[in-house]
C-alpha atoms as a PDB file:
ATOM      1  CA  UNK A   1      86.094 -33.141  34.064  1.00  0.00           C
ATOM      2  CA  UNK A   2      84.007 -34.008  37.076  1.00  0.00           C
ATOM      3  CA  UNK A   3      80.779 -35.845  36.459  1.00  0.00           C
ATOM      4  CA  UNK A   4      77.399 -34.928  37.893  1.00  0.00           C
ATOM      5  CA  UNK A   5      74.437 -37.048  38.837  1.00  0.00           C
ATOM      6  CA  UNK A   6      70.834 -36.782  37.800  1.00  0.00           C
ATOM      7  CA  UNK A   7      67.869 -37.267  40.078  1.00  0.00           C
ATOM      8  CA  UNK A   8      66.653 -40.841  40.436  1.00  0.00           C
ATOM      9  CA  UNK A   9      64.012 -41.754  37.912  1.00  0.00           C
ATOM     10  CA  UNK A  10      60.909 -43.496  39.207  1.00  0.00           C
ATOM     11  CA  UNK A  11      59.024 -45.486  36.592  1.00  0.00           C
ATOM     12  CA  UNK A  12      56.354 -48.134  36.453  1.00  0.00           C
ATOM     13  CA  UNK A  13      57.736 -51.667  36.786  1.00  0.00           C
ATOM     14  CA  UNK A  14      56.477 -52.464  33.278  1.00  0.00           C
ATOM     15  CA  UNK A  15      58.645 -49.706  31.782  1.00  0.00           C
ATOM     16  CA  UNK A  16      61.733 -50.926  33.617  1.00  0.00           C
ATOM     17  CA  UNK A  17      61.078 -54.487  32.424  1.00  0.00           C
ATOM     18  CA  UNK A  18      60.586 -53.270  28.858  1.00  0.00           C
ATOM     19  CA  UNK A  19      63.837 -51.302  29.002  1.00  0.00           C
ATOM     20  CA  UNK A  20      65.746 -54.255  30.412  1.00  0.00           C
ATOM     21  CA  UNK A  21      64.298 -56.499  27.718  1.00  0.00           C
ATOM     22  CA  UNK A  22      65.791 -54.406  24.902  1.00  0.00           C
ATOM     23  CA  UNK A  23      69.255 -53.896  26.368  1.00  0.00           C
ATOM     24  CA  UNK A  24      72.041 -54.969  24.046  1.00  0.00           C
ATOM     25  CA  UNK A  25      75.022 -56.989  25.179  1.00  0.00           C
ATOM     26  CA  UNK A  26      77.170 -54.938  27.545  1.00  0.00           C
ATOM     27  CA  UNK A  27      74.587 -52.149  27.761  1.00  0.00           C
ATOM     28  CA  UNK A  28      73.253 -50.890  31.076  1.00  0.00           C
ATOM     29  CA  UNK A  29      70.067 -49.132  32.075  1.00  0.00           C
ATOM     30  CA  UNK A  30      72.171 -46.142  33.103  1.00  0.00           C
ATOM     31  CA  UNK A  31      73.811 -46.103  29.678  1.00  0.00           C
ATOM     32  CA  UNK A  32      70.532 -46.270  27.788  1.00  0.00           C
ATOM     33  CA  UNK A  33      69.069 -43.552  30.011  1.00  0.00           C
ATOM     34  CA  UNK A  34      72.088 -41.305  29.402  1.00  0.00           C
ATOM     35  CA  UNK A  35      71.911 -41.857  25.638  1.00  0.00           C
ATOM     36  CA  UNK A  36      68.179 -41.147  25.650  1.00  0.00           C
ATOM     37  CA  UNK A  37      68.735 -37.911  27.554  1.00  0.00           C
ATOM     38  CA  UNK A  38      71.532 -36.852  25.183  1.00  0.00           C
ATOM     39  CA  UNK A  39      69.295 -37.578  22.181  1.00  0.00           C
ATOM     40  CA  UNK A  40      66.404 -35.591  23.624  1.00  0.00           C
ATOM     41  CA  UNK A  41      68.637 -32.615  24.481  1.00  0.00           C
ATOM     42  CA  UNK A  42      70.023 -32.685  20.929  1.00  0.00           C
ATOM     43  CA  UNK A  43      66.517 -32.946  19.416  1.00  0.00           C
ATOM     44  CA  UNK A  44      65.260 -30.005  21.454  1.00  0.00           C
ATOM     45  CA  UNK A  45      68.255 -27.862  20.512  1.00  0.00           C
ATOM     46  CA  UNK A  46      67.765 -28.669  16.829  1.00  0.00           C
ATOM     47  CA  UNK A  47      64.051 -27.896  17.131  1.00  0.00           C
ATOM     48  CA  UNK A  48      64.743 -24.543  18.797  1.00  0.00           C
ATOM     49  CA  UNK A  49      67.279 -23.637  16.090  1.00  0.00           C
ATOM     50  CA  UNK A  50      64.813 -24.675  13.369  1.00  0.00           C
ATOM     51  CA  UNK A  51      62.117 -22.464  14.852  1.00  0.00           C
ATOM     52  CA  UNK A  52      64.563 -19.562  15.218  1.00  0.00           C
ATOM     53  CA  UNK A  53      65.585 -19.894  11.548  1.00  0.00           C
ATOM     54  CA  UNK A  54      61.934 -19.965  10.504  1.00  0.00           C
ATOM     55  CA  UNK A  55      61.105 -16.859  12.514  1.00  0.00           C
ATOM     56  CA  UNK A  56      64.176 -15.070  11.147  1.00  0.00           C
ATOM     57  CA  UNK A  57      63.161 -16.018   7.591  1.00  0.00           C
ATOM     58  CA  UNK A  58      59.668 -14.695   8.230  1.00  0.00           C
ATOM     59  CA  UNK A  59      61.052 -11.394   9.484  1.00  0.00           C
ATOM     60  CA  UNK A  60      63.442 -11.194   6.529  1.00  0.00           C
ATOM     61  CA  UNK A  61      60.554 -11.755   4.112  1.00  0.00           C
ATOM     62  CA  UNK A  62      58.489  -9.060   5.839  1.00  0.00           C
ATOM     63  CA  UNK A  63      61.440  -6.666   5.785  1.00  0.00           C
ATOM     64  CA  UNK A  64      62.380  -7.253   2.134  1.00  0.00           C
ATOM     65  CA  UNK A  65      58.969  -8.066   0.729  1.00  0.00           C
ATOM     66  CA  UNK A  66      60.493 -11.097  -1.041  1.00  0.00           C
ATOM     67  CA  UNK A  67      58.367 -14.203  -0.675  1.00  0.00           C
ATOM     68  CA  UNK A  68      58.676 -17.613  -2.340  1.00  0.00           C
ATOM     69  CA  UNK A  69      55.862 -19.888  -3.422  1.00  0.00           C
ATOM     70  CA  UNK A  70      55.590 -23.469  -2.276  1.00  0.00           C
ATOM     71  CA  UNK A  71      56.506 -24.569  -5.796  1.00  0.00           C
ATOM     72  CA  UNK A  72      59.674 -22.438  -5.788  1.00  0.00           C
ATOM     73  CA  UNK A  73      60.685 -23.739  -2.372  1.00  0.00           C
ATOM     74  CA  UNK A  74      60.107 -27.370  -3.315  1.00  0.00           C
ATOM     75  CA  UNK A  75      61.979 -26.944  -6.598  1.00  0.00           C
ATOM     76  CA  UNK A  76      64.976 -25.561  -4.704  1.00  0.00           C
ATOM     77  CA  UNK A  77      64.868 -28.483  -2.264  1.00  0.00           C
ATOM     78  CA  UNK A  78      64.571 -30.952  -5.143  1.00  0.00           C
ATOM     79  CA  UNK A  79      67.646 -29.388  -6.755  1.00  0.00           C
ATOM     80  CA  UNK A  80      69.638 -29.772  -3.528  1.00  0.00           C
ATOM     81  CA  UNK A  81      68.516 -33.386  -3.195  1.00  0.00           C
ATOM     82  CA  UNK A  82      69.371 -34.136  -6.822  1.00  0.00           C
ATOM     83  CA  UNK A  83      72.848 -32.658  -6.429  1.00  0.00           C
ATOM     84  CA  UNK A  84      73.464 -34.732  -3.301  1.00  0.00           C
ATOM     85  CA  UNK A  85      72.214 -38.027  -4.743  1.00  0.00           C
ATOM     86  CA  UNK A  86      74.190 -37.666  -7.966  1.00  0.00           C
ATOM     87  CA  UNK A  87      77.422 -36.872  -6.104  1.00  0.00           C
ATOM     88  CA  UNK A  88      79.569 -40.055  -6.262  1.00  0.00           C
ATOM     89  CA  UNK A  89      81.281 -39.467  -2.888  1.00  0.00           C
END
């Protein structure tokens, strides 16, 4: 697969110095910038999917007339959490 380039990133000197100061051994500014971009793309995709699921749930509730209270929702989440924390995997 061919690689592509991104536009140069102009930043204040203080930001560049701060980024260089936290680089780990063998890490480059380009590498940290790429990882940051990947993380932000992933976060935005997850956020968009979360919003889409919420809007779909709202429409489903309007269509069916079935709504859940906060207490019911939290109890269901607590049950999922309890099942995951008691699983000895």
